[in-house]
Each structure stands twice: as C-alpha cells, then as structure tokens.
Amino acid sequence: MSTGRSRDDLLKFHDYLSSKGLIPQATARARKAASKQVLAILDDEEASDILALDLDFVMQRFSTLHGQEYNPNSLRDYASRLRASVEDFRSYTGNPLGFRPTGRTRAARSETNEKAAARKSEAPKSPEQITTAQPLSPPQSANILPIRLRQDLTIQIAGLPFDLTPGEAKKIANIILAHAAPE
C-alpha cells in the first residue's frame, strides 16, 4: 500500500523540484542520485515510508555495505543530500501549498562568507591559543570503531578512513602507545 511517502515518491519529488525551478537542476540530480544509491539498500517494506526512517541508521548501514566504494567525503555528501531531500519531502507532504525548499539563499551565502572571513581574521596566532582550540568532532557518518578495553570500558575511535593503510594504522597505534601509562 503506497502512502505517498515511499522511496519512489521521493525520487519523483526530485524531478518535480527541478521541473518547477524550485531548486537548481544540478542540485536535484545530485540529491536524487544520493537518495537512489543510499535508499537502494532498503527492502520494499522499509522503503514504503521514507519519512519514518532513522536516516543516521540508514547511512550507517549504507556505509557498512558500500563504504569501501566511497571516500569519507562522498559519504558525508550523500548523507547531507539525503537529509536535505527528506527534509524537503517532509515539508512538502505536510504543506504542499506553503512549501519552500531548504537551502541557502544568495544573501545567506554571502552572510556565511562574511562570517568565514571574520573567523579567519580571528584565527589563533599564539601557541597558547592554538592549544586551547576545540578538537574537531568527526562527521556523523564517519567510520566509528568501538574497542572494548576492559569489561567496564569501551572506547570509540571515530573518523577512520575506510581505506586506511597499514602505514597509517601504525602511525595511529604509535600515537596511542605514546599516551599509555608506564606499567
């Protein structure tokens, strides 16, 4: 039974957005391609209601199944495009007459560029300022490796590339060894 919220409905929605000039054609094509690739992992029952999906879990499954075929940046792009697609689809199905696609306007983009320029001019210059900078958090769709160290302690290593080389793994291992307390 079609709810009008299926995978196929979402893919048709991309064509609608493009044909009506609601988003640029290139954006519609990129979102449709990402949605089609990621949502292909779903069976028909799961794909019958796209709005009920946990997109983080779907992306995690996609990464597990096909992560080796994509670099981490591509996976982040696919996740972002899928989220934007589903957000627009949700908005449209909830209120077709009041629908406005998500995305930044030209004014918002120039404001973002101004903020970026301001941040660049405020970049830390002294070693003290550099050491107090916040660490970067890994993207939500990054490869996360849980490691059980003790019965009551499991850690997670996040942001590992899917194409990690043995040399890179040794470099990470050496850095972790440097943090170990002497026995």
Protein backbone atom coordinates (compact mmCIF):
# COMPACT_ATOMS: atom_id res chain seq x y z
CA MET A 1 0.00 0.00 0.00
CA SER A 2 1.51 3.30 -1.07
CA THR A 3 1.43 6.10 1.47
CA GLY A 4 2.68 8.70 -0.99
CA ARG A 5 5.85 8.74 1.10
CA SER A 6 7.77 5.89 -0.50
CA ARG A 7 11.26 5.77 -1.97
CA ASP A 8 9.76 6.07 -5.47
CA ASP A 9 7.69 9.08 -4.38
CA LEU A 10 10.84 10.75 -3.06
CA LEU A 11 12.70 10.12 -6.33
CA LYS A 12 9.77 11.59 -8.33
CA PHE A 13 9.79 14.56 -5.95
CA HIS A 14 13.34 15.44 -7.08
CA ASP A 15 12.12 15.61 -10.68
CA TYR A 16 9.22 17.81 -9.59
CA LEU A 17 11.53 20.25 -7.76
CA SER A 18 13.76 20.51 -10.82
CA SER A 19 10.98 20.86 -13.38
CA LYS A 20 9.28 23.62 -11.39
CA GLY A 21 12.55 25.51 -10.88
CA LEU A 22 12.32 25.21 -7.11
CA ILE A 23 15.93 24.09 -6.85
CA PRO A 24 18.74 24.10 -9.44
CA GLN A 25 18.71 21.09 -11.77
CA ALA A 26 22.23 20.09 -10.72
CA THR A 27 21.16 20.07 -7.06
CA ALA A 28 18.09 17.97 -7.88
CA ARG A 29 20.22 15.48 -9.84
CA ALA A 30 22.81 15.21 -7.04
CA ARG A 31 20.14 14.74 -4.37
CA LYS A 32 18.29 12.18 -6.47
CA ALA A 33 21.47 10.21 -7.18
CA ALA A 34 22.43 10.14 -3.49
CA SER A 35 18.90 9.20 -2.41
CA LYS A 36 18.69 6.47 -5.02
CA GLN A 37 22.06 4.94 -4.05
CA VAL A 38 21.54 5.05 -0.29
CA LEU A 39 17.87 4.03 -0.26
CA ALA A 40 18.58 1.08 -2.58
CA ILE A 41 19.73 -0.86 0.50
CA LEU A 42 16.17 -0.83 1.88
CA ASP A 43 13.70 -3.61 1.23
CA ASP A 44 10.27 -2.68 -0.16
CA GLU A 45 8.63 -2.60 3.26
CA GLU A 46 11.28 -0.24 4.70
CA ALA A 47 11.10 1.94 1.59
CA SER A 48 7.32 2.33 1.81
CA ASP A 49 7.56 5.26 4.25
CA ILE A 50 10.74 7.32 3.87
CA LEU A 51 9.62 9.83 6.50
CA ALA A 52 9.60 7.14 9.21
CA LEU A 53 13.26 6.21 8.66
CA ASP A 54 16.13 6.88 11.03
CA LEU A 55 18.48 8.43 8.46
CA ASP A 56 21.56 8.09 10.67
CA PHE A 57 20.94 4.35 10.92
CA VAL A 58 20.28 4.06 7.17
CA MET A 59 23.56 5.87 6.44
CA GLN A 60 25.38 3.62 8.91
CA ARG A 61 24.02 0.56 7.10
CA PHE A 62 24.93 2.05 3.71
CA SER A 63 28.46 2.75 4.98
CA THR A 64 28.79 -0.79 6.24
CA LEU A 65 27.61 -2.28 2.96
CA HIS A 66 29.23 0.11 0.48
CA GLY A 67 31.67 2.28 2.44
CA GLN A 68 34.69 0.77 0.72
CA GLU A 69 33.36 2.04 -2.62
CA TYR A 70 33.23 5.68 -1.47
CA ASN A 71 35.66 8.03 0.21
CA PRO A 72 34.58 9.61 3.53
CA ASN A 73 33.81 12.96 1.88
CA SER A 74 31.46 11.30 -0.59
CA LEU A 75 29.67 9.52 2.24
CA ARG A 76 29.23 12.85 4.08
CA ASP A 77 27.90 14.43 0.88
CA TYR A 78 25.46 11.56 0.35
CA ALA A 79 24.24 11.87 3.95
CA SER A 80 23.80 15.63 3.60
CA ARG A 81 21.94 15.33 0.30
CA LEU A 82 19.69 12.58 1.63
CA ARG A 83 18.84 14.62 4.73
CA ALA A 84 18.04 17.71 2.64
CA SER A 85 15.91 15.61 0.30
CA VAL A 86 13.92 14.02 3.09
CA GLU A 87 13.56 17.35 4.92
CA ASP A 88 12.13 19.00 1.78
CA PHE A 89 9.93 15.95 1.10
CA ARG A 90 8.60 16.05 4.67
CA SER A 91 7.88 19.77 4.37
CA TYR A 92 6.15 19.33 1.02
CA THR A 93 3.98 16.38 2.09
CA GLY A 94 2.96 18.28 5.24
CA ASN A 95 2.01 21.51 3.43
CA PRO A 96 2.28 21.46 -0.38
CA LEU A 97 0.92 25.00 -0.77
CA GLY A 98 3.28 26.53 1.79
CA PHE A 99 6.31 24.53 0.69
CA ARG A 100 9.65 26.33 0.37
CA PRO A 101 12.74 24.22 -0.37
CA THR A 102 15.56 24.21 2.13
CA GLY A 103 18.87 25.64 1.16
CA ARG A 104 20.70 28.88 1.45
CA THR A 105 19.70 31.94 -0.44
CA ARG A 106 22.26 34.22 -2.05
CA ALA A 107 22.00 36.59 0.92
CA ALA A 108 22.58 33.73 3.34
CA ARG A 109 25.59 32.56 1.33
CA SER A 110 27.19 36.00 1.35
CA GLU A 111 26.49 36.27 5.08
CA THR A 112 28.19 32.90 5.55
CA ASN A 113 31.17 34.12 3.52
CA GLU A 114 31.38 37.24 5.70
CA LYS A 115 31.31 35.09 8.85
CA ALA A 116 34.06 32.86 7.43
CA ALA A 117 36.21 35.90 6.66
CA ALA A 118 35.65 37.21 10.19
CA ARG A 119 36.63 33.85 11.68
CA LYS A 120 39.75 33.74 9.52
CA SER A 121 40.84 37.15 10.80
CA GLU A 122 40.26 35.94 14.38
CA ALA A 123 42.35 32.79 13.89
CA PRO A 124 44.62 31.93 16.84
CA LYS A 125 48.15 33.20 16.48
CA SER A 126 49.99 32.21 19.63
CA PRO A 127 50.80 28.64 20.76
CA GLU A 128 48.65 29.15 23.87
CA GLN A 129 45.64 29.98 21.72
CA ILE A 130 46.26 27.03 19.44
CA THR A 131 46.39 24.53 22.31
CA THR A 132 43.07 25.76 23.72
CA ALA A 133 41.24 25.29 20.41
CA GLN A 134 38.35 22.82 20.48
CA PRO A 135 39.12 19.47 18.86
CA LEU A 136 37.27 18.71 15.66
CA SER A 137 34.40 16.31 16.08
CA PRO A 138 34.06 13.58 13.48
CA PRO A 139 31.22 13.82 10.98
CA GLN A 140 28.12 11.85 11.92
CA SER A 141 28.54 9.46 9.01
CA ALA A 142 32.22 8.75 9.73
CA ASN A 143 33.51 5.23 10.29
CA ILE A 144 33.41 4.57 14.07
CA LEU A 145 35.33 1.66 15.54
CA PRO A 146 34.32 0.53 19.07
CA ILE A 147 37.12 -1.15 21.05
CA ARG A 148 36.46 -2.93 24.34
CA LEU A 149 39.49 -2.26 26.53
CA ARG A 150 38.18 -3.67 29.78
CA GLN A 151 34.98 -5.27 30.99
CA ASP A 152 33.64 -1.87 32.06
CA LEU A 153 35.28 0.29 29.37
CA THR A 154 34.66 0.51 25.65
CA ILE A 155 36.17 3.34 23.66
CA GLN A 156 35.36 4.53 20.17
CA ILE A 157 37.81 5.63 17.52
CA ALA A 158 35.98 7.86 15.06
CA GLY A 159 36.88 9.33 11.73
CA LEU A 160 38.94 6.42 10.46
CA PRO A 161 39.02 6.43 6.69
CA PHE A 162 37.51 3.39 5.04
CA ASP A 163 40.71 2.98 3.01
CA LEU A 164 43.12 3.05 5.99
CA THR A 165 46.56 1.77 5.01
CA PRO A 166 48.80 -0.36 7.26
CA GLY A 167 51.26 2.56 7.47
CA GLU A 168 48.52 4.91 8.64
CA ALA A 169 47.32 2.32 11.16
CA LYS A 170 50.86 2.04 12.57
CA LYS A 171 51.09 5.82 12.88
CA ILE A 172 47.81 5.88 14.87
CA ALA A 173 49.00 2.96 17.01
CA ASN A 174 52.25 4.77 17.83
CA ILE A 175 50.39 7.88 18.91
CA ILE A 176 48.17 5.80 21.20
CA LEU A 177 51.22 3.97 22.61
CA ALA A 178 52.75 7.35 23.49
CA HIS A 179 49.72 8.05 25.73
CA ALA A 180 49.97 4.78 27.67
CA ALA A 181 50.89 4.99 31.35
CA PRO A 182 54.06 3.08 32.30
CA GLU A 183 53.36 -0.32 33.86
